[in-house]
């Protein structure tokens, strides 16, 4: 699974370079839109690499099972970064297109940005409630921290 995330990340990087290159010779509005899209693709590629790293660390190096609240928070946080960044970039590109081409589509772009905000708020609530669950299981937190030390010592 980690290898698949790396492969997809490399594909996204290639697509970002091609999209960015297309922005170089384009008109100002179209070039700006392509540049923003390239930045979004690169951001998602980087996050995809982070997910790959998480999978490798948690499943291969630590041989851990996702049951403790700390592990759930780590996994979900890395996944939510991808979703929130992707939605935010998509909302930004949609807003840019709507402002310059079809203003009647601006509410659609705004709804994507609102959805990203709601996801971000929900993620924050999850982290807050998960933190309380982590306090109920201090041994799981100790175990995760000791595994972090082992991982740092190997790196």
Protein backbone atom coordinates (compact mmCIF):
# COMPACT_ATOMS: atom_id res chain seq x y z
CA UNK A 1 0.00 0.00 0.00
CA UNK A 2 2.84 2.38 0.85
CA UNK A 3 4.44 1.71 -2.54
CA UNK A 4 1.14 2.55 -4.28
CA UNK A 5 0.99 5.90 -2.48
CA UNK A 6 4.56 6.65 -3.58
CA UNK A 7 3.72 5.72 -7.19
CA UNK A 8 0.62 7.92 -7.16
CA UNK A 9 2.64 10.73 -5.62
CA UNK A 10 5.20 10.50 -8.42
CA UNK A 11 2.39 10.54 -10.99
CA UNK A 12 0.91 13.63 -9.34
CA UNK A 13 4.30 15.34 -9.43
CA UNK A 14 4.62 14.67 -13.16
CA UNK A 15 1.10 16.00 -13.73
CA UNK A 16 1.95 19.09 -11.65
CA UNK A 17 5.04 19.78 -13.74
CA UNK A 18 3.04 19.40 -16.97
CA UNK A 19 0.30 21.66 -15.62
CA UNK A 20 2.83 24.24 -14.46
CA UNK A 21 4.58 24.15 -17.82
CA UNK A 22 1.25 24.78 -19.53
CA UNK A 23 0.89 27.90 -17.35
CA UNK A 24 4.14 29.40 -18.67
CA UNK A 25 2.92 30.22 -22.17
CA UNK A 26 -0.74 30.84 -21.39
CA UNK A 27 -2.70 34.05 -21.00
CA UNK A 28 -2.63 35.64 -17.55
CA UNK A 29 -5.97 34.28 -16.26
CA UNK A 30 -5.46 30.81 -17.69
CA UNK A 31 -1.83 30.75 -16.57
CA UNK A 32 -2.74 31.72 -13.01
CA UNK A 33 -5.40 29.00 -12.92
CA UNK A 34 -2.91 26.40 -14.17
CA UNK A 35 -0.29 27.54 -11.66
CA UNK A 36 -2.77 27.23 -8.78
CA UNK A 37 -3.78 23.79 -10.02
CA UNK A 38 -0.08 22.75 -10.20
CA UNK A 39 0.44 23.92 -6.61
CA UNK A 40 -2.58 21.87 -5.53
CA UNK A 41 -1.26 18.77 -7.28
CA UNK A 42 2.14 19.20 -5.64
CA UNK A 43 0.56 19.66 -2.22
CA UNK A 44 -1.47 16.48 -2.65
CA UNK A 45 1.65 14.64 -3.87
CA UNK A 46 3.56 15.66 -0.74
CA UNK A 47 0.70 14.58 1.50
CA UNK A 48 0.49 11.30 -0.39
CA UNK A 49 4.15 10.72 0.43
CA UNK A 50 3.38 11.47 4.08
CA UNK A 51 0.61 8.87 4.06
CA UNK A 52 3.03 6.39 2.52
CA UNK A 53 5.50 7.15 5.31
CA UNK A 54 2.78 6.72 7.93
CA UNK A 55 1.77 3.34 6.53
CA UNK A 56 5.38 2.18 6.40
CA UNK A 57 6.10 3.38 9.93
CA UNK A 58 2.95 2.06 11.57
CA UNK A 59 2.50 -1.22 9.72
CA UNK A 60 5.99 -2.28 8.72
CA UNK A 61 8.48 -0.77 11.16
CA UNK A 62 6.30 -0.74 14.28
CA UNK A 63 4.05 -3.64 13.26
CA UNK A 64 1.25 -1.79 15.06
CA UNK A 65 -2.48 -2.33 14.88
CA UNK A 66 -4.82 0.63 14.82
CA UNK A 67 -6.76 0.29 18.04
CA UNK A 68 -5.36 2.87 20.43
CA UNK A 69 -6.76 6.41 20.20
CA UNK A 70 -3.28 7.80 19.50
CA UNK A 71 -2.85 5.63 16.43
CA UNK A 72 -6.34 6.43 15.15
CA UNK A 73 -5.65 10.15 15.51
CA UNK A 74 -2.36 9.85 13.63
CA UNK A 75 -3.87 7.89 10.75
CA UNK A 76 -6.96 10.02 10.44
CA UNK A 77 -5.01 13.26 10.70
CA UNK A 78 -2.75 12.39 7.80
CA UNK A 79 -5.76 11.35 5.71
CA UNK A 80 -7.71 14.49 6.59
CA UNK A 81 -4.79 16.66 5.51
CA UNK A 82 -5.12 15.20 2.01
CA UNK A 83 -8.88 15.73 1.86
CA UNK A 84 -8.89 19.26 3.29
CA UNK A 85 -5.97 20.41 1.11
CA UNK A 86 -7.55 18.90 -2.01
CA UNK A 87 -10.94 20.49 -1.31
CA UNK A 88 -9.37 23.85 -0.51
CA UNK A 89 -7.34 23.89 -3.71
CA UNK A 90 -10.37 22.76 -5.72
CA UNK A 91 -12.44 25.51 -4.13
CA UNK A 92 -9.75 28.08 -4.91
CA UNK A 93 -9.53 26.98 -8.55
CA UNK A 94 -13.34 26.91 -8.80
CA UNK A 95 -13.59 30.40 -7.34
CA UNK A 96 -10.96 31.71 -9.73
CA UNK A 97 -12.77 30.16 -12.72
CA UNK A 98 -16.16 31.40 -11.57
CA UNK A 99 -14.94 34.96 -11.02
CA UNK A 100 -13.41 35.18 -14.48
CA UNK A 101 -15.62 32.97 -16.64
CA UNK A 102 -18.98 32.06 -15.12
CA UNK A 103 -19.98 34.13 -12.07
CA UNK A 104 -23.19 32.11 -11.68
CA UNK A 105 -21.04 29.16 -10.56
CA UNK A 106 -19.56 31.10 -7.63
CA UNK A 107 -22.02 29.57 -5.10
CA UNK A 108 -20.83 26.09 -6.14
CA UNK A 109 -17.20 27.03 -5.55
CA UNK A 110 -18.16 28.62 -2.23
CA UNK A 111 -19.95 25.43 -1.17
CA UNK A 112 -16.76 23.43 -1.78
CA UNK A 113 -14.85 25.85 0.45
CA UNK A 114 -17.58 25.68 3.10
CA UNK A 115 -17.35 21.87 2.98
CA UNK A 116 -13.58 22.12 3.51
CA UNK A 117 -14.21 24.40 6.50
CA UNK A 118 -16.76 22.00 7.98
CA UNK A 119 -14.35 19.09 7.54
CA UNK A 120 -11.59 21.08 9.20
CA UNK A 121 -13.89 21.94 12.13
CA UNK A 122 -15.00 18.32 12.47
CA UNK A 123 -11.38 17.21 12.40
CA UNK A 124 -10.58 19.68 15.17
CA UNK A 125 -13.45 18.33 17.27
CA UNK A 126 -12.28 14.78 16.66
CA UNK A 127 -8.77 15.67 17.85
CA UNK A 128 -10.17 17.38 20.94
CA UNK A 129 -12.37 14.41 21.88
CA UNK A 130 -9.67 11.93 20.95
CA UNK A 131 -7.25 13.70 23.28
CA UNK A 132 -9.62 12.96 26.17
CA UNK A 133 -9.77 9.30 25.10
CA UNK A 134 -5.98 9.19 25.05
CA UNK A 135 -5.95 10.37 28.67
CA UNK A 136 -8.13 7.39 29.59
CA UNK A 137 -5.55 5.02 28.10
CA UNK A 138 -2.16 6.38 29.23
CA UNK A 139 -0.46 3.03 28.61
CA UNK A 140 -1.31 3.23 24.89
CA UNK A 141 0.17 6.73 24.76
CA UNK A 142 3.34 5.52 26.52
CA UNK A 143 3.62 2.62 24.08
CA UNK A 144 3.22 4.94 21.07
CA UNK A 145 5.83 7.34 22.45
CA UNK A 146 8.28 4.50 23.12
CA UNK A 147 7.78 3.31 19.54
CA UNK A 148 8.45 6.86 18.36
CA UNK A 149 11.78 6.78 20.22
CA UNK A 150 12.65 3.43 18.61
CA UNK A 151 11.81 4.84 15.21
CA UNK A 152 13.94 7.96 15.81
CA UNK A 153 16.85 5.80 16.95
CA UNK A 154 16.66 3.76 13.70
CA UNK A 155 16.49 6.94 11.56
